[in-house]
Structure formats: C-alpha cells, structure tokens
C-alpha cells in the first residue's frame, strides 16, 4: 500500500540512496547527481518549500520537493516542482502520480494558479508522467556547455570588475530591463539583488562581475559553483561524448583540446547566472563570457553551463563559442485558470540543481 507523509530529516540517508538509483535520461544518455550531505539543502534557498515522502508497505519508495514563488508584476503565485524520485522497485505502482497530486493539492490550497517543472530532453519517462497528469510544454531552454580548456581573448574595449554596493542599483536596473518580458521574472531592487546573490551558497558578489563602458555598466554576469549541493556526472554517456573523448585521448598530447568527461566521472563545472547586457553593446557579453572562461581556468573547472530561454542575446554569443547544446523543456499545468505559453522564460538559478 502506498502512503504519503511529510519529509523528516531522519529520511535523509534513505533518500540519498534512492537518488543514486534514479539518473535522469534514457538508455542512450542520462545524468546522475551525487548529492552532498543534506538532501533538503537545495530547498533552503527558498522562503517557502516542502517535501513529501512516499512509503510502499512501510519502506521509502520516493519523494517530491516543491516551492511556491510570487510574481508581484501580475499579483499571482505559482509553484515549482524541483524533483520527483521513485525507487526502481516501486515504479509502475502510481507512486509518482500520488506525489505530484500531493504537491498540486498543497500549492492550490495556498493560492498558486499554476505549477511548472524542468524536464531533460531524454527523460522520456518523466515526460510521459507529466503529460498524463495534464502538463504541457510551455517553453524551451537551451543548456549550453562551454568547455573550458584554453585562455580566451578579450578585446579590452571594456573594464570588467566586481561591483561595489553603490553599483547595485544600476545592476538591478540593467537586469530588470533585460528580463522584463520574460515569464516568472520578478524585478530586483539593489537590496533584493544583493540578498538573492548572498543567500545562494557558493555564489555571492565576489563571484559576480560587471562590464563598464566608461562609467556605465553595460553587461553583467556571475558564476555559481553548482557542485556545492551535488556532483554531476554522466550515468550513461552519450555516443557523441564517447567519440569526442577518443579524439581527445589521441590528439590531446599534440594540441590543446577540451576534456570530455567519461561515464561516471564527476564534472567540475560552474553555471553562468544573473546575466544581462545593454543591447547597444552586444560585444560586451562576448568579452564577459571570455573573462569568465579565464576565471574558470584558474580554478581548473572544465565546463561553464549557460541555461537560457530562446530568444536571448546571450545565447547568440554563447553559440558562436561552439558549445555542446542540450534541450530542456518547461512543463506547466494550470490549477485555477487557463495557462498561456511561458516563453521567453526567466531562469532562476536556484531551480537548476538537477
């Protein structure tokens, strides 16, 4: 018999073991995440979160985690389902459906008008689950993996530096203008932006940079160490990666080539976030991404992830750098009324723990 109850901290070790058995993807390509320590740590970045655990005849069968957010521009609330995990021995028993229904019931009672989640392109089982539960694809995201292996050239037309606190109002305005047409974006003030950046572990203003043209800030972005919560790896490495890995092993001693991770090997990566650029200075973003690449060389990271909703100016810049590109989808379901497409979509970096 399947039962649902609230998460307790004593569930931690059991849930970590379940997650190791649940890579996201299919037989050709799947990601795994080795969470570090506290399975609930990612949720503590949010003000309003919950987790529920499923039991199958008294044994832990899976769990779900979600949070409620607010959109002050539209005066509404919406919910994000961060993850649904089911132990392989308890699948095809309706566990995932019961967990999602539990989350939907909770957020609807608390005034959310829709709920969304991210689904990896090859995660066919999750797509089928959410489609059967009434969810539909409402936006696309491109996950651009920029391999870090050599120093990038910077034009030096601009100056790039960490901002001072007196700069944060200008930063907030630049970010607000850049994202104002995107679904789920809530405008920042100088104070709320500093709080947002500071409350994300392994981020902070020390890992955020602005690009100046004279005295004016024309672009900005940060790099976040998303491995703080868990190490990412290929549980099943795609054929293209295996092929590229063979090329690197043959030619790597002759020329400088990027390192392609092997199956089961942790990827030392960072994520680009809080990015924006003044449309009058498109090459400022190119210089900034090159600057971030060089910063990651210093800490021996081998990949910079840039998750973006097309169309986006930064995507056009990143694409010129020949990244590995994977497709993610934003699936959503209306709870109280009809739901329009959510494209272009604002990507909250807190949501991007796989």
Protein backbone atom coordinates (compact mmCIF):
# COMPACT_ATOMS: atom_id res chain seq x y z
CA UNK A 1 0.00 0.00 0.00
CA UNK A 2 1.31 3.46 -0.96
CA UNK A 3 1.13 6.24 1.64
CA UNK A 4 2.36 9.85 1.57
CA UNK A 5 3.73 11.75 4.57
CA UNK A 6 5.81 14.89 5.24
CA UNK A 7 9.59 14.69 4.93
CA UNK A 8 11.58 14.27 8.14
CA UNK A 9 15.30 14.92 8.47
CA UNK A 10 15.73 11.30 9.56
CA UNK A 11 14.79 10.32 5.96
CA UNK A 12 17.98 11.91 4.66
CA UNK A 13 20.22 8.86 4.17
CA UNK A 14 17.45 6.76 2.65
CA UNK A 15 16.56 9.46 0.12
CA UNK A 16 20.20 9.92 -0.86
CA UNK A 17 20.36 6.20 -1.63
CA UNK A 18 17.19 6.39 -3.74
CA UNK A 19 18.56 9.29 -5.77
CA UNK A 20 21.67 7.30 -6.72
CA UNK A 21 19.33 4.78 -8.34
CA UNK A 22 17.46 7.42 -10.37
CA UNK A 23 19.57 9.02 -13.14
CA UNK A 24 17.66 11.38 -15.44
CA UNK A 25 17.51 10.26 -19.04
CA UNK A 26 17.22 7.06 -21.06
CA UNK A 27 19.37 4.13 -22.13
CA UNK A 28 21.38 6.34 -24.50
CA UNK A 29 22.05 9.35 -22.27
CA UNK A 30 21.42 10.02 -18.59
CA UNK A 31 22.68 12.44 -15.93
CA UNK A 32 23.30 11.47 -12.36
CA UNK A 33 23.79 13.69 -9.32
CA UNK A 34 25.69 12.67 -6.20
CA UNK A 35 24.10 14.93 -3.58
CA UNK A 36 26.27 16.05 -0.70
CA UNK A 37 25.08 15.53 2.84
CA UNK A 38 21.63 17.06 3.19
CA UNK A 39 19.00 16.06 0.59
CA UNK A 40 16.91 19.10 1.58
CA UNK A 41 19.75 21.65 1.36
CA UNK A 42 18.73 22.95 -2.07
CA UNK A 43 15.27 23.88 -0.79
CA UNK A 44 16.61 26.06 1.99
CA UNK A 45 17.47 28.75 -0.58
CA UNK A 46 13.71 29.33 -0.94
CA UNK A 47 11.43 31.07 1.54
CA UNK A 48 8.55 28.64 1.07
CA UNK A 49 9.24 24.96 0.44
CA UNK A 50 8.02 21.48 1.28
CA UNK A 51 8.99 17.86 0.70
CA UNK A 52 6.80 14.77 0.92
CA UNK A 53 7.89 11.14 1.14
CA UNK A 54 6.11 8.08 -0.29
CA UNK A 55 6.17 4.75 1.53
CA UNK A 56 5.41 1.38 -0.06
CA UNK A 57 4.34 -1.04 2.69
CA UNK A 58 6.39 0.93 5.19
CA UNK A 59 9.53 1.24 3.06
CA UNK A 60 10.59 4.55 1.49
CA UNK A 61 9.57 4.48 -2.16
CA UNK A 62 10.36 8.04 -3.25
CA UNK A 63 9.80 11.70 -2.63
CA UNK A 64 8.87 15.05 -4.14
CA UNK A 65 10.01 18.59 -3.35
CA UNK A 66 8.43 21.90 -4.33
CA UNK A 67 8.32 25.60 -3.56
CA UNK A 68 5.88 28.47 -4.06
CA UNK A 69 7.01 31.73 -5.65
CA UNK A 70 5.33 35.07 -6.22
CA UNK A 71 5.10 37.35 -9.26
CA UNK A 72 4.48 40.91 -7.99
CA UNK A 73 4.00 42.20 -11.54
CA UNK A 74 0.92 40.02 -12.04
CA UNK A 75 -0.03 39.67 -8.38
CA UNK A 76 -0.09 35.88 -8.55
CA UNK A 77 1.61 32.84 -7.07
CA UNK A 78 2.98 29.79 -8.85
CA UNK A 79 4.79 26.63 -7.81
CA UNK A 80 7.95 24.87 -8.92
CA UNK A 81 8.31 21.09 -8.62
CA UNK A 82 12.04 20.62 -8.16
CA UNK A 83 12.26 16.83 -8.30
CA UNK A 84 10.25 13.63 -8.20
CA UNK A 85 12.20 10.47 -7.36
CA UNK A 86 10.83 6.92 -7.19
CA UNK A 87 12.81 3.83 -6.16
CA UNK A 88 13.08 1.39 -9.10
CA UNK A 89 11.41 -1.35 -7.01
CA UNK A 90 8.32 0.84 -6.51
CA UNK A 91 7.74 2.02 -10.06
CA UNK A 92 4.54 1.37 -12.01
CA UNK A 93 2.55 1.49 -8.78
CA UNK A 94 1.32 5.07 -9.13
CA UNK A 95 3.86 6.46 -6.66
CA UNK A 96 4.97 9.39 -8.84
CA UNK A 97 1.36 10.35 -9.65
CA UNK A 98 0.43 10.33 -5.97
CA UNK A 99 3.43 12.51 -5.10
CA UNK A 100 2.65 15.08 -7.81
CA UNK A 101 -1.01 15.16 -6.75
CA UNK A 102 0.12 15.79 -3.17
CA UNK A 103 2.19 18.80 -4.27
CA UNK A 104 -0.56 20.15 -6.54
CA UNK A 105 -3.15 19.94 -3.77
CA UNK A 106 -0.89 21.80 -1.35
CA UNK A 107 0.04 24.66 -3.67
CA UNK A 108 -3.52 25.07 -4.97
CA UNK A 109 -4.78 25.42 -1.39
CA UNK A 110 -2.13 28.12 -0.86
CA UNK A 111 -3.20 30.16 -3.90
CA UNK A 112 -0.86 29.06 -6.70
CA UNK A 113 -2.50 29.40 -10.11
CA UNK A 114 -0.07 27.12 -11.96
CA UNK A 115 2.82 24.74 -11.38
CA UNK A 116 5.89 24.08 -13.51
CA UNK A 117 8.94 21.82 -13.72
CA UNK A 118 12.01 21.30 -15.94
CA UNK A 119 12.36 18.11 -17.97
CA UNK A 120 15.56 16.96 -19.63
CA UNK A 121 15.10 16.11 -23.32
CA UNK A 122 15.92 12.40 -22.99
CA UNK A 123 13.93 11.93 -19.76
CA UNK A 124 11.06 10.21 -21.61
CA UNK A 125 9.58 8.57 -18.53
CA UNK A 126 9.11 11.92 -16.78
CA UNK A 127 7.66 13.50 -19.92
CA UNK A 128 5.11 10.71 -20.18
CA UNK A 129 4.25 11.04 -16.49
CA UNK A 130 3.64 14.78 -16.57
CA UNK A 131 1.79 14.70 -19.90
CA UNK A 132 -0.58 12.10 -18.45
CA UNK A 133 -1.13 14.38 -15.46
CA UNK A 134 -2.19 17.30 -17.68
CA UNK A 135 1.10 19.16 -18.08
CA UNK A 136 2.21 20.60 -21.41
CA UNK A 137 5.44 22.05 -22.79
CA UNK A 138 5.20 25.82 -22.35
CA UNK A 139 8.78 26.96 -23.01
CA UNK A 140 12.14 25.68 -24.23
CA UNK A 141 15.52 26.06 -22.58
CA UNK A 142 18.93 25.51 -24.13
CA UNK A 143 21.62 24.13 -21.86
CA UNK A 144 24.88 25.33 -23.41
CA UNK A 145 28.00 23.60 -22.09
CA UNK A 146 31.07 25.69 -22.90
CA UNK A 147 34.14 23.53 -22.46
CA UNK A 148 36.94 25.37 -20.63
CA UNK A 149 40.37 24.35 -21.87
CA UNK A 150 42.32 27.39 -23.08
CA UNK A 151 42.53 31.10 -22.42
CA UNK A 152 40.08 33.26 -24.36
CA UNK A 153 40.97 36.58 -25.93
CA UNK A 154 39.35 39.73 -24.53
CA UNK A 155 39.06 42.89 -26.62
CA UNK A 156 39.88 45.26 -23.72
CA UNK A 157 37.32 47.75 -25.03
CA UNK A 158 35.70 47.49 -21.62
CA UNK A 159 36.72 47.19 -17.99
CA UNK A 160 35.48 44.15 -16.03
CA UNK A 161 35.38 44.09 -12.23
CA UNK A 162 33.35 43.12 -9.19
CA UNK A 163 30.69 45.74 -8.42
CA UNK A 164 30.67 47.93 -5.35
CA UNK A 165 27.50 48.23 -3.31
CA UNK A 166 26.93 51.65 -4.86
CA UNK A 167 26.69 49.92 -8.25
CA UNK A 168 23.88 47.55 -7.32
CA UNK A 169 21.03 49.89 -8.22
CA UNK A 170 22.46 50.22 -11.73
CA UNK A 171 22.97 46.44 -11.88
CA UNK A 172 19.39 45.80 -10.80
CA UNK A 173 18.07 48.18 -13.44
CA UNK A 174 20.13 46.52 -16.18
CA UNK A 175 18.88 43.05 -15.16
CA UNK A 176 15.30 44.29 -14.92
CA UNK A 177 15.37 45.84 -18.39
CA UNK A 178 16.92 42.71 -19.88
CA UNK A 179 14.35 40.32 -18.39
CA UNK A 180 11.19 42.44 -18.25
CA UNK A 181 9.42 40.46 -21.00
CA UNK A 182 10.22 37.02 -19.53
CA UNK A 183 7.71 34.89 -17.69
CA UNK A 184 8.36 34.38 -13.96
CA UNK A 185 10.75 37.32 -13.66
CA UNK A 186 10.37 39.46 -10.54
CA UNK A 187 12.19 42.82 -10.73
CA UNK A 188 15.07 43.43 -8.35
CA UNK A 189 15.95 46.37 -6.19
CA UNK A 190 19.55 46.94 -5.17
CA UNK A 191 18.76 45.41 -1.78
CA UNK A 192 16.83 42.39 -3.07
CA UNK A 193 19.52 41.58 -5.65
CA UNK A 194 22.25 41.63 -3.00
CA UNK A 195 20.11 39.41 -0.77
CA UNK A 196 19.40 36.97 -3.64
CA UNK A 197 23.07 36.63 -4.58
CA UNK A 198 24.23 36.36 -0.97
CA UNK A 199 21.68 33.69 0.00
CA UNK A 200 22.83 31.21 -2.65
CA UNK A 201 25.71 29.13 -1.25
CA UNK A 202 28.93 29.29 -3.31
CA UNK A 203 27.75 32.42 -5.16
CA UNK A 204 27.87 35.94 -3.68
CA UNK A 205 29.09 39.26 -5.08
CA UNK A 206 32.70 38.02 -5.12
CA UNK A 207 31.61 35.76 -7.98
CA UNK A 208 29.70 38.44 -9.87
CA UNK A 209 31.18 40.88 -12.39
CA UNK A 210 30.11 43.97 -14.28
CA UNK A 211 31.35 45.27 -17.62
CA UNK A 212 31.82 49.03 -17.88
CA UNK A 213 31.95 51.25 -20.91
CA UNK A 214 33.42 54.36 -19.36
CA UNK A 215 31.37 54.90 -16.21
CA UNK A 216 28.31 52.99 -17.43
CA UNK A 217 27.60 49.32 -16.64
CA UNK A 218 26.63 47.67 -19.93
CA UNK A 219 26.74 43.95 -19.04
CA UNK A 220 26.94 41.69 -16.01
CA UNK A 221 27.03 38.03 -15.03
CA UNK A 222 28.05 35.74 -12.21
CA UNK A 223 29.45 32.24 -11.96
CA UNK A 224 27.92 29.89 -9.43
CA UNK A 225 29.55 26.70 -8.20
CA UNK A 226 26.52 24.43 -8.63
CA UNK A 227 28.57 21.44 -7.40
CA UNK A 228 28.10 22.81 -3.88
CA UNK A 229 24.96 20.68 -3.50
CA UNK A 230 25.98 17.71 -5.61
CA UNK A 231 28.42 16.44 -8.21
CA UNK A 232 27.08 15.94 -11.73
CA UNK A 233 28.14 13.02 -13.90
CA UNK A 234 27.06 11.00 -16.92
CA UNK A 235 25.35 7.89 -15.61
CA UNK A 236 25.10 6.85 -19.25
CA UNK A 237 27.45 8.71 -21.53
CA UNK A 238 26.05 9.70 -24.95
CA UNK A 239 27.78 8.32 -28.03
CA UNK A 240 28.93 11.79 -29.13
CA UNK A 241 30.80 12.28 -25.84
CA UNK A 242 32.47 8.89 -26.10
CA UNK A 243 33.54 9.73 -29.66
CA UNK A 244 34.93 13.13 -28.64
CA UNK A 245 36.70 11.52 -25.70
CA UNK A 246 38.50 9.12 -28.03
CA UNK A 247 39.64 12.01 -30.23
CA UNK A 248 40.97 13.88 -27.21
CA UNK A 249 42.85 10.84 -25.97
CA UNK A 250 44.58 10.52 -29.35
CA UNK A 251 45.26 14.19 -30.11
CA UNK A 252 45.35 15.72 -26.63
CA UNK A 253 49.10 15.33 -26.28
CA UNK A 254 49.61 17.25 -29.56
CA UNK A 255 47.19 20.16 -29.28
CA UNK A 256 45.16 21.83 -26.53
CA UNK A 257 41.72 20.18 -26.54
CA UNK A 258 38.86 20.30 -24.03
CA UNK A 259 38.41 17.47 -21.53
CA UNK A 260 35.28 15.42 -22.14
CA UNK A 261 34.02 13.60 -19.03
CA UNK A 262 33.89 9.82 -19.02
CA UNK A 263 30.90 7.85 -17.80
CA UNK A 264 30.71 8.02 -14.01
CA UNK A 265 33.33 10.79 -13.77
CA UNK A 266 32.35 13.95 -11.87
CA UNK A 267 32.29 17.11 -13.96
CA UNK A 268 33.99 20.17 -12.48
CA UNK A 269 31.59 22.81 -13.69
CA UNK A 270 30.19 26.25 -12.93
CA UNK A 271 26.98 27.94 -14.04
CA UNK A 272 26.61 31.40 -15.52
CA UNK A 273 23.82 33.37 -13.87
CA UNK A 274 22.34 36.83 -13.25
CA UNK A 275 23.42 37.82 -16.75
CA UNK A 276 22.29 40.79 -18.82
CA UNK A 277 23.63 43.11 -21.48
CA UNK A 278 22.72 46.50 -22.89
CA UNK A 279 21.57 45.93 -26.48
CA UNK A 280 23.73 48.86 -27.61
CA UNK A 281 26.88 46.92 -26.55
CA UNK A 282 26.43 43.31 -27.71
CA UNK A 283 30.16 42.60 -27.79
CA UNK A 284 30.34 43.37 -24.05
CA UNK A 285 28.76 39.97 -23.35
CA UNK A 286 31.31 38.27 -25.57
CA UNK A 287 34.13 39.84 -23.57
CA UNK A 288 32.41 38.89 -20.31
CA UNK A 289 32.00 35.21 -21.26
CA UNK A 290 35.66 35.15 -22.31
CA UNK A 291 36.56 36.68 -18.93
CA UNK A 292 34.52 34.04 -17.08
CA UNK A 293 36.21 31.30 -19.11
CA UNK A 294 39.60 32.58 -18.00
CA UNK A 295 38.46 32.74 -14.38
CA UNK A 296 37.42 29.09 -14.55
CA UNK A 297 40.80 28.12 -15.93
CA UNK A 298 42.31 29.43 -12.71
CA UNK A 299 40.22 27.02 -10.59
CA UNK A 300 40.61 24.10 -13.04
CA UNK A 301 36.92 23.91 -13.88
CA UNK A 302 36.30 22.22 -17.21
CA UNK A 303 32.82 23.44 -18.10
CA UNK A 304 30.72 26.61 -17.94
CA UNK A 305 26.98 25.95 -18.19
CA UNK A 306 24.69 28.60 -19.60
CA UNK A 307 20.98 27.76 -19.42
CA UNK A 308 18.94 30.20 -21.44
CA UNK A 309 15.47 30.62 -22.90
CA UNK A 310 15.50 31.48 -26.62
CA UNK A 311 15.45 34.06 -28.00
CA UNK A 312 18.15 35.65 -25.86
CA UNK A 313 21.10 37.85 -26.81
CA UNK A 314 23.47 35.88 -24.60
CA UNK A 315 22.53 32.64 -26.38
CA UNK A 316 23.68 34.06 -29.71
CA UNK A 317 27.03 34.94 -28.13
CA UNK A 318 27.43 31.54 -26.47
CA UNK A 319 26.51 29.68 -29.66
CA UNK A 320 29.44 31.28 -31.50
CA UNK A 321 31.73 29.54 -29.00
CA UNK A 322 30.52 26.12 -30.25
CA UNK A 323 29.08 24.73 -27.01
CA UNK A 324 27.53 21.30 -26.51
CA UNK A 325 23.80 22.14 -26.54
CA UNK A 326 21.06 20.10 -24.91
CA UNK A 327 17.35 20.84 -24.85
CA UNK A 328 15.32 21.13 -21.68
CA UNK A 329 11.58 21.84 -21.56
CA UNK A 330 9.45 23.82 -19.16
CA UNK A 331 6.32 21.78 -18.49
CA UNK A 332 3.45 23.51 -16.73
CA UNK A 333 -0.15 22.98 -15.67
CA UNK A 334 -2.87 25.48 -14.81
CA UNK A 335 -4.53 24.96 -11.42
CA UNK A 336 -7.20 27.66 -11.42
CA UNK A 337 -7.47 29.03 -14.97
CA UNK A 338 -6.03 28.63 -18.48
CA UNK A 339 -2.26 28.99 -18.87
CA UNK A 340 -0.53 30.69 -21.78
CA UNK A 341 2.95 29.80 -23.02
CA UNK A 342 5.75 30.82 -20.64
CA UNK A 343 8.19 31.81 -23.37
CA UNK A 344 10.56 33.56 -23.14
CA UNK A 345 11.20 32.17 -19.67
CA UNK A 346 13.30 33.63 -16.86
CA UNK A 347 15.70 31.04 -15.47
CA UNK A 348 16.11 31.22 -11.68
CA UNK A 349 19.48 29.61 -10.98
CA UNK A 350 18.16 28.14 -7.72
CA UNK A 351 15.95 25.85 -9.80
CA UNK A 352 18.85 24.35 -11.71
CA UNK A 353 20.03 21.73 -9.23
CA UNK A 354 19.49 18.55 -11.24
